[in-house]
Each structure stands twice: as C-alpha cells, then as structure tokens.
Amino acid sequence: MTALNLRHFRGEEVAVPEFSATEAKNSFGRVLDTAFSQGMVAITKRDRATAVVLSLDAYEALVNAQSHPLTRLSHEFDDLLASMQTPKARDAMLDAFDASPEELGQAAVAAVHR
C-alpha cells in the first residue's frame, strides 16, 4: 500500500492509501476499513489510479461542499468575523491603528520570525 496524493473537496492535497485492483478484490474488508479510517482509498490498475472508494462521511462532505459552496463560505466568513469581534481582537486593532510606522514595522518583523 503506497500513498497517492489527491485534492479533497477544499482543494488541499492529501495522501490517499492505495490498493491494486487485485488487492481490493482479495481484501475488500481491509479496503473498507482503510476507507473508513482514512476517508478514501485509491484503487489502481497497472500502477495508475482508476477508482476511489470513499467513506460515507467523506462522500457527504464532498456532496455538501459542492451543493452549497456559497453557504459554506458564508458560514466560514461569519465564524471569522465573530472571532474578530472579541474584546481582545478589538483592543489589538485599536493598538494597531494607534501604532507608529516604526512600531508596525517591528511587529511585522517579529511576526515573520515566529
């Protein structure tokens, strides 16, 4: 079993366990267990991925992401906006607006070094 890299529904590259078609036929229970634990499994024929077995959770996430991309993005935006509305975030923004150019430069350099 080797790893194949595929992009999942969010566009991030992930390593996917790989089984040959013969392995999948002879050990389908292991293929299902791996798909359940890893989210998906690639099935190869002649060293080329030809099929993918998805867990139900991965399938539902893929279908939901494709059918409601704007809703998903809207929720992500709302969550991000809510996280920026905390007293700590407000105080940090006020400090940033009150900072001198030198202080902003020092903060930027410090952030890069973290």
N, C-alpha and C. Protein backbone atom coordinates (compact mmCIF):
# COMPACT_ATOMS: atom_id res chain seq x y z
N MET A 1 0.85 -1.17 0.00
CA MET A 1 0.00 0.00 0.00
C MET A 1 0.90 1.24 0.00
N THR A 2 0.82 2.06 -1.04
CA THR A 2 1.59 3.29 -1.13
C THR A 2 0.65 4.47 -1.05
N ALA A 3 1.20 5.67 -1.09
CA ALA A 3 0.35 6.85 -0.95
C ALA A 3 0.25 7.59 -2.28
N LEU A 4 -0.94 7.93 -2.64
CA LEU A 4 -1.24 8.75 -3.81
C LEU A 4 -1.73 10.09 -3.28
N ASN A 5 -1.36 11.17 -3.92
CA ASN A 5 -1.82 12.48 -3.48
C ASN A 5 -2.98 12.95 -4.35
N LEU A 6 -4.09 13.28 -3.70
CA LEU A 6 -5.27 13.83 -4.38
C LEU A 6 -5.69 15.09 -3.66
N ARG A 7 -6.49 15.90 -4.31
CA ARG A 7 -7.04 17.09 -3.66
C ARG A 7 -8.43 16.75 -3.15
N HIS A 8 -8.69 17.07 -1.87
CA HIS A 8 -10.02 16.81 -1.36
C HIS A 8 -10.92 18.02 -1.64
N PHE A 9 -12.15 17.99 -1.14
CA PHE A 9 -13.16 18.96 -1.51
C PHE A 9 -12.78 20.40 -1.20
N ARG A 10 -11.84 20.64 -0.30
CA ARG A 10 -11.40 22.02 0.00
C ARG A 10 -10.20 22.42 -0.83
N GLY A 11 -9.71 21.52 -1.69
CA GLY A 11 -8.59 21.84 -2.55
C GLY A 11 -7.23 21.54 -1.95
N GLU A 12 -7.20 21.04 -0.74
CA GLU A 12 -5.93 20.70 -0.10
C GLU A 12 -5.47 19.33 -0.57
N GLU A 13 -4.15 19.19 -0.76
CA GLU A 13 -3.61 17.92 -1.19
C GLU A 13 -3.45 16.98 0.01
N VAL A 14 -3.93 15.76 -0.14
CA VAL A 14 -3.85 14.77 0.93
C VAL A 14 -3.31 13.46 0.37
N ALA A 15 -2.59 12.72 1.21
CA ALA A 15 -2.11 11.40 0.82
C ALA A 15 -3.25 10.40 0.95
N VAL A 16 -3.44 9.60 -0.06
CA VAL A 16 -4.53 8.62 -0.08
C VAL A 16 -3.93 7.23 -0.16
N PRO A 17 -4.32 6.33 0.75
CA PRO A 17 -3.83 4.95 0.67
C PRO A 17 -4.25 4.34 -0.66
N GLU A 18 -3.41 3.47 -1.17
CA GLU A 18 -3.61 2.91 -2.50
C GLU A 18 -3.59 1.39 -2.44
N PHE A 19 -4.54 0.76 -3.13
CA PHE A 19 -4.59 -0.69 -3.25
C PHE A 19 -4.66 -1.03 -4.73
N SER A 20 -4.00 -2.09 -5.13
CA SER A 20 -4.16 -2.57 -6.50
C SER A 20 -5.55 -3.18 -6.63
N ALA A 21 -6.02 -3.31 -7.86
CA ALA A 21 -7.34 -3.90 -8.09
C ALA A 21 -7.39 -5.33 -7.54
N THR A 22 -6.29 -6.06 -7.68
CA THR A 22 -6.22 -7.43 -7.16
C THR A 22 -6.31 -7.44 -5.65
N GLU A 23 -5.55 -6.54 -4.98
CA GLU A 23 -5.63 -6.44 -3.52
C GLU A 23 -7.04 -6.09 -3.08
N ALA A 24 -7.66 -5.15 -3.79
CA ALA A 24 -9.02 -4.73 -3.44
C ALA A 24 -10.00 -5.89 -3.57
N LYS A 25 -9.84 -6.69 -4.62
CA LYS A 25 -10.73 -7.83 -4.82
C LYS A 25 -10.51 -8.88 -3.74
N ASN A 26 -9.27 -9.15 -3.40
CA ASN A 26 -8.95 -10.21 -2.45
C ASN A 26 -9.10 -9.79 -0.98
N SER A 27 -9.02 -8.48 -0.72
CA SER A 27 -9.06 -7.99 0.67
C SER A 27 -10.00 -6.80 0.79
N PHE A 28 -11.22 -6.96 0.29
CA PHE A 28 -12.13 -5.82 0.26
C PHE A 28 -12.46 -5.30 1.66
N GLY A 29 -12.50 -6.18 2.65
CA GLY A 29 -12.75 -5.75 4.03
C GLY A 29 -11.67 -4.78 4.50
N ARG A 30 -10.42 -5.07 4.16
CA ARG A 30 -9.32 -4.17 4.54
C ARG A 30 -9.44 -2.83 3.81
N VAL A 31 -9.87 -2.88 2.54
CA VAL A 31 -10.08 -1.65 1.78
C VAL A 31 -11.16 -0.80 2.46
N LEU A 32 -12.27 -1.42 2.85
CA LEU A 32 -13.35 -0.69 3.52
C LEU A 32 -12.89 -0.13 4.86
N ASP A 33 -12.16 -0.92 5.63
CA ASP A 33 -11.65 -0.43 6.91
C ASP A 33 -10.73 0.78 6.72
N THR A 34 -9.88 0.72 5.71
CA THR A 34 -8.97 1.82 5.44
C THR A 34 -9.73 3.05 4.96
N ALA A 35 -10.71 2.85 4.09
CA ALA A 35 -11.53 3.98 3.61
C ALA A 35 -12.27 4.61 4.78
N PHE A 36 -12.77 3.80 5.69
CA PHE A 36 -13.49 4.33 6.85
C PHE A 36 -12.55 5.15 7.74
N SER A 37 -11.35 4.64 7.98
CA SER A 37 -10.42 5.33 8.89
C SER A 37 -9.70 6.50 8.22
N GLN A 38 -9.43 6.42 6.92
CA GLN A 38 -8.67 7.46 6.23
C GLN A 38 -9.55 8.41 5.41
N GLY A 39 -10.80 8.04 5.18
CA GLY A 39 -11.69 8.88 4.40
C GLY A 39 -11.84 8.43 2.96
N MET A 40 -10.75 7.95 2.37
CA MET A 40 -10.81 7.47 1.00
C MET A 40 -9.65 6.55 0.70
N VAL A 41 -9.82 5.72 -0.32
CA VAL A 41 -8.81 4.78 -0.78
C VAL A 41 -8.79 4.82 -2.29
N ALA A 42 -7.60 4.82 -2.88
CA ALA A 42 -7.47 4.76 -4.33
C ALA A 42 -7.28 3.31 -4.76
N ILE A 43 -7.93 2.92 -5.83
CA ILE A 43 -7.77 1.59 -6.42
C ILE A 43 -7.00 1.77 -7.72
N THR A 44 -5.92 1.01 -7.87
CA THR A 44 -5.07 1.16 -9.05
C THR A 44 -5.17 -0.06 -9.96
N LYS A 45 -4.91 0.20 -11.21
CA LYS A 45 -4.81 -0.87 -12.20
C LYS A 45 -3.61 -0.51 -13.08
N ARG A 46 -2.66 -1.42 -13.15
CA ARG A 46 -1.42 -1.17 -13.89
C ARG A 46 -0.72 0.10 -13.37
N ASP A 47 -0.63 0.21 -12.07
CA ASP A 47 0.06 1.32 -11.38
C ASP A 47 -0.54 2.70 -11.68
N ARG A 48 -1.81 2.74 -12.04
CA ARG A 48 -2.49 4.01 -12.30
C ARG A 48 -3.81 4.01 -11.55
N ALA A 49 -4.06 5.08 -10.79
CA ALA A 49 -5.32 5.16 -10.05
C ALA A 49 -6.49 5.17 -11.02
N THR A 50 -7.43 4.28 -10.80
CA THR A 50 -8.60 4.20 -11.69
C THR A 50 -9.92 4.39 -10.98
N ALA A 51 -9.90 4.28 -9.64
CA ALA A 51 -11.14 4.44 -8.88
C ALA A 51 -10.79 4.89 -7.47
N VAL A 52 -11.80 5.45 -6.79
CA VAL A 52 -11.64 5.87 -5.40
C VAL A 52 -12.83 5.35 -4.61
N VAL A 53 -12.55 4.77 -3.46
CA VAL A 53 -13.60 4.34 -2.53
C VAL A 53 -13.62 5.36 -1.40
N LEU A 54 -14.79 5.96 -1.19
CA LEU A 54 -14.93 6.99 -0.16
C LEU A 54 -15.71 6.46 1.04
N SER A 55 -15.34 6.93 2.22
CA SER A 55 -16.17 6.65 3.39
C SER A 55 -17.45 7.48 3.22
N LEU A 56 -18.49 7.11 3.94
CA LEU A 56 -19.74 7.86 3.84
C LEU A 56 -19.54 9.31 4.30
N ASP A 57 -18.76 9.51 5.35
CA ASP A 57 -18.50 10.87 5.83
C ASP A 57 -17.80 11.72 4.76
N ALA A 58 -16.79 11.14 4.11
CA ALA A 58 -16.06 11.87 3.06
C ALA A 58 -16.99 12.17 1.88
N TYR A 59 -17.82 11.20 1.53
CA TYR A 59 -18.76 11.39 0.42
C TYR A 59 -19.75 12.52 0.74
N GLU A 60 -20.33 12.47 1.94
CA GLU A 60 -21.30 13.51 2.32
C GLU A 60 -20.64 14.89 2.37
N ALA A 61 -19.42 14.96 2.88
CA ALA A 61 -18.70 16.24 2.90
C ALA A 61 -18.46 16.75 1.49
N LEU A 62 -18.11 15.86 0.59
CA LEU A 62 -17.87 16.24 -0.80
C LEU A 62 -19.15 16.73 -1.47
N VAL A 63 -20.24 16.00 -1.28
CA VAL A 63 -21.53 16.38 -1.88
C VAL A 63 -22.02 17.71 -1.28
N ASN A 64 -21.94 17.84 0.02
CA ASN A 64 -22.40 19.07 0.66
C ASN A 64 -21.55 20.27 0.26
N ALA A 65 -20.26 20.07 0.12
CA ALA A 65 -19.38 21.17 -0.28
C ALA A 65 -19.69 21.62 -1.70
N GLN A 66 -20.02 20.69 -2.57
CA GLN A 66 -20.30 21.05 -3.96
C GLN A 66 -21.70 21.64 -4.11
N SER A 67 -22.64 21.18 -3.30
CA SER A 67 -24.00 21.66 -3.48
C SER A 67 -24.27 22.98 -2.78
N HIS A 68 -23.43 23.34 -1.80
CA HIS A 68 -23.65 24.57 -1.06
C HIS A 68 -22.35 25.36 -0.85
N PRO A 69 -21.59 25.63 -1.91
CA PRO A 69 -20.31 26.32 -1.69
C PRO A 69 -20.49 27.71 -1.11
N LEU A 70 -21.50 28.43 -1.55
CA LEU A 70 -21.70 29.79 -1.05
C LEU A 70 -22.14 29.77 0.42
N THR A 71 -22.97 28.83 0.78
CA THR A 71 -23.41 28.71 2.17
C THR A 71 -22.23 28.38 3.06
N ARG A 72 -21.38 27.43 2.61
CA ARG A 72 -20.21 27.05 3.39
C ARG A 72 -19.27 28.24 3.57
N LEU A 73 -19.02 28.97 2.49
CA LEU A 73 -18.15 30.15 2.58
C LEU A 73 -18.76 31.21 3.47
N SER A 74 -20.06 31.36 3.40
CA SER A 74 -20.74 32.34 4.25
C SER A 74 -20.58 31.99 5.72
N HIS A 75 -20.69 30.70 6.06
CA HIS A 75 -20.50 30.26 7.44
C HIS A 75 -19.06 30.49 7.89
N GLU A 76 -18.12 30.19 7.01
CA GLU A 76 -16.71 30.41 7.36
C GLU A 76 -16.45 31.89 7.59
N PHE A 77 -17.04 32.74 6.75
CA PHE A 77 -16.88 34.19 6.92
C PHE A 77 -17.49 34.65 8.24
N ASP A 78 -18.70 34.16 8.53
CA ASP A 78 -19.36 34.53 9.79
C ASP A 78 -18.54 34.12 11.00
N ASP A 79 -17.96 32.91 10.94
CA ASP A 79 -17.12 32.45 12.05
C ASP A 79 -15.88 33.32 12.20
N LEU A 80 -15.26 33.67 11.09
CA LEU A 80 -14.07 34.53 11.12
C LEU A 80 -14.43 35.91 11.66
N LEU A 81 -15.53 36.47 11.19
CA LEU A 81 -15.97 37.78 11.66
C LEU A 81 -16.27 37.74 13.16
N ALA A 82 -16.93 36.69 13.61
CA ALA A 82 -17.24 36.57 15.05
C ALA A 82 -15.96 36.51 15.87
N SER A 83 -14.94 35.80 15.36
CA SER A 83 -13.69 35.71 16.10
C SER A 83 -12.97 37.05 16.17
N MET A 84 -13.27 37.94 15.24
CA MET A 84 -12.65 39.26 15.22
C MET A 84 -13.42 40.27 16.07
N GLN A 85 -14.56 39.88 16.63
CA GLN A 85 -15.39 40.78 17.41
C GLN A 85 -15.18 40.64 18.91
N THR A 86 -14.19 39.91 19.32
CA THR A 86 -13.92 39.75 20.75
C THR A 86 -13.26 41.01 21.29
N PRO A 87 -13.36 41.26 22.58
CA PRO A 87 -12.69 42.42 23.16
C PRO A 87 -11.19 42.42 22.90
N LYS A 88 -10.58 41.25 22.96
CA LYS A 88 -9.13 41.16 22.71
C LYS A 88 -8.80 41.59 21.27
N ALA A 89 -9.60 41.13 20.30
CA ALA A 89 -9.35 41.49 18.90
C ALA A 89 -9.58 42.98 18.67
N ARG A 90 -10.64 43.53 19.29
CA ARG A 90 -10.90 44.97 19.16
C ARG A 90 -9.75 45.80 19.73
N ASP A 91 -9.27 45.41 20.91
CA ASP A 91 -8.15 46.12 21.53
C ASP A 91 -6.90 46.05 20.65
N ALA A 92 -6.66 44.89 20.07
CA ALA A 92 -5.49 44.73 19.20
C ALA A 92 -5.60 45.64 17.97
N MET A 93 -6.79 45.75 17.40
CA MET A 93 -6.97 46.62 16.23
C MET A 93 -6.80 48.09 16.62
N LEU A 94 -7.32 48.48 17.78
CA LEU A 94 -7.14 49.86 18.24
C LEU A 94 -5.66 50.16 18.44
N ASP A 95 -4.93 49.19 19.02
CA ASP A 95 -3.48 49.35 19.19
C ASP A 95 -2.79 49.48 17.84
N ALA A 96 -3.22 48.70 16.86
CA ALA A 96 -2.61 48.77 15.54
C ALA A 96 -2.86 50.13 14.89
N PHE A 97 -4.06 50.67 15.02
CA PHE A 97 -4.35 51.98 14.43
C PHE A 97 -3.59 53.10 15.13
N ASP A 98 -3.29 52.92 16.41
CA ASP A 98 -2.57 53.93 17.17
C ASP A 98 -1.05 53.78 17.05
N ALA A 99 -0.58 52.70 16.46
CA ALA A 99 0.86 52.43 16.40
C ALA A 99 1.55 53.33 15.38
N SER A 100 2.79 53.64 15.67
CA SER A 100 3.60 54.43 14.74
C SER A 100 4.09 53.51 13.62
N PRO A 101 4.56 54.06 12.51
CA PRO A 101 5.10 53.22 11.44
C PRO A 101 6.25 52.33 11.93
N GLU A 102 7.08 52.86 12.82
CA GLU A 102 8.20 52.06 13.35
C GLU A 102 7.68 50.86 14.15
N GLU A 103 6.65 51.10 14.98
CA GLU A 103 6.08 50.02 15.77
C GLU A 103 5.43 48.96 14.87
N LEU A 104 4.77 49.41 13.81
CA LEU A 104 4.17 48.45 12.87
C LEU A 104 5.25 47.63 12.18
N GLY A 105 6.34 48.29 11.81
CA GLY A 105 7.46 47.59 11.18
C GLY A 105 8.06 46.55 12.11
N GLN A 106 8.25 46.90 13.38
CA GLN A 106 8.81 45.96 14.36
C GLN A 106 7.85 44.78 14.57
N ALA A 107 6.56 45.05 14.61
CA ALA A 107 5.58 43.98 14.78
C ALA A 107 5.58 43.05 13.58
N ALA A 108 5.74 43.62 12.38
CA ALA A 108 5.77 42.78 11.17
C ALA A 108 7.01 41.89 11.16
N VAL A 109 8.15 42.45 11.55
CA VAL A 109 9.38 41.65 11.59
C VAL A 109 9.26 40.55 12.64
N ALA A 110 8.69 40.89 13.79
CA ALA A 110 8.51 39.89 14.85
C ALA A 110 7.58 38.77 14.39
N ALA A 111 6.53 39.11 13.65
CA ALA A 111 5.58 38.10 13.16
C ALA A 111 6.26 37.16 12.17
N VAL A 112 7.15 37.69 11.34
CA VAL A 112 7.85 36.86 10.36
C VAL A 112 8.77 35.87 11.06
N HIS A 113 9.38 36.29 12.15
CA HIS A 113 10.32 35.43 12.87
C HIS A 113 9.61 34.37 13.70
N ARG A 114 8.31 34.50 13.95
CA ARG A 114 7.57 33.49 14.72
C ARG A 114 7.32 32.27 13.92
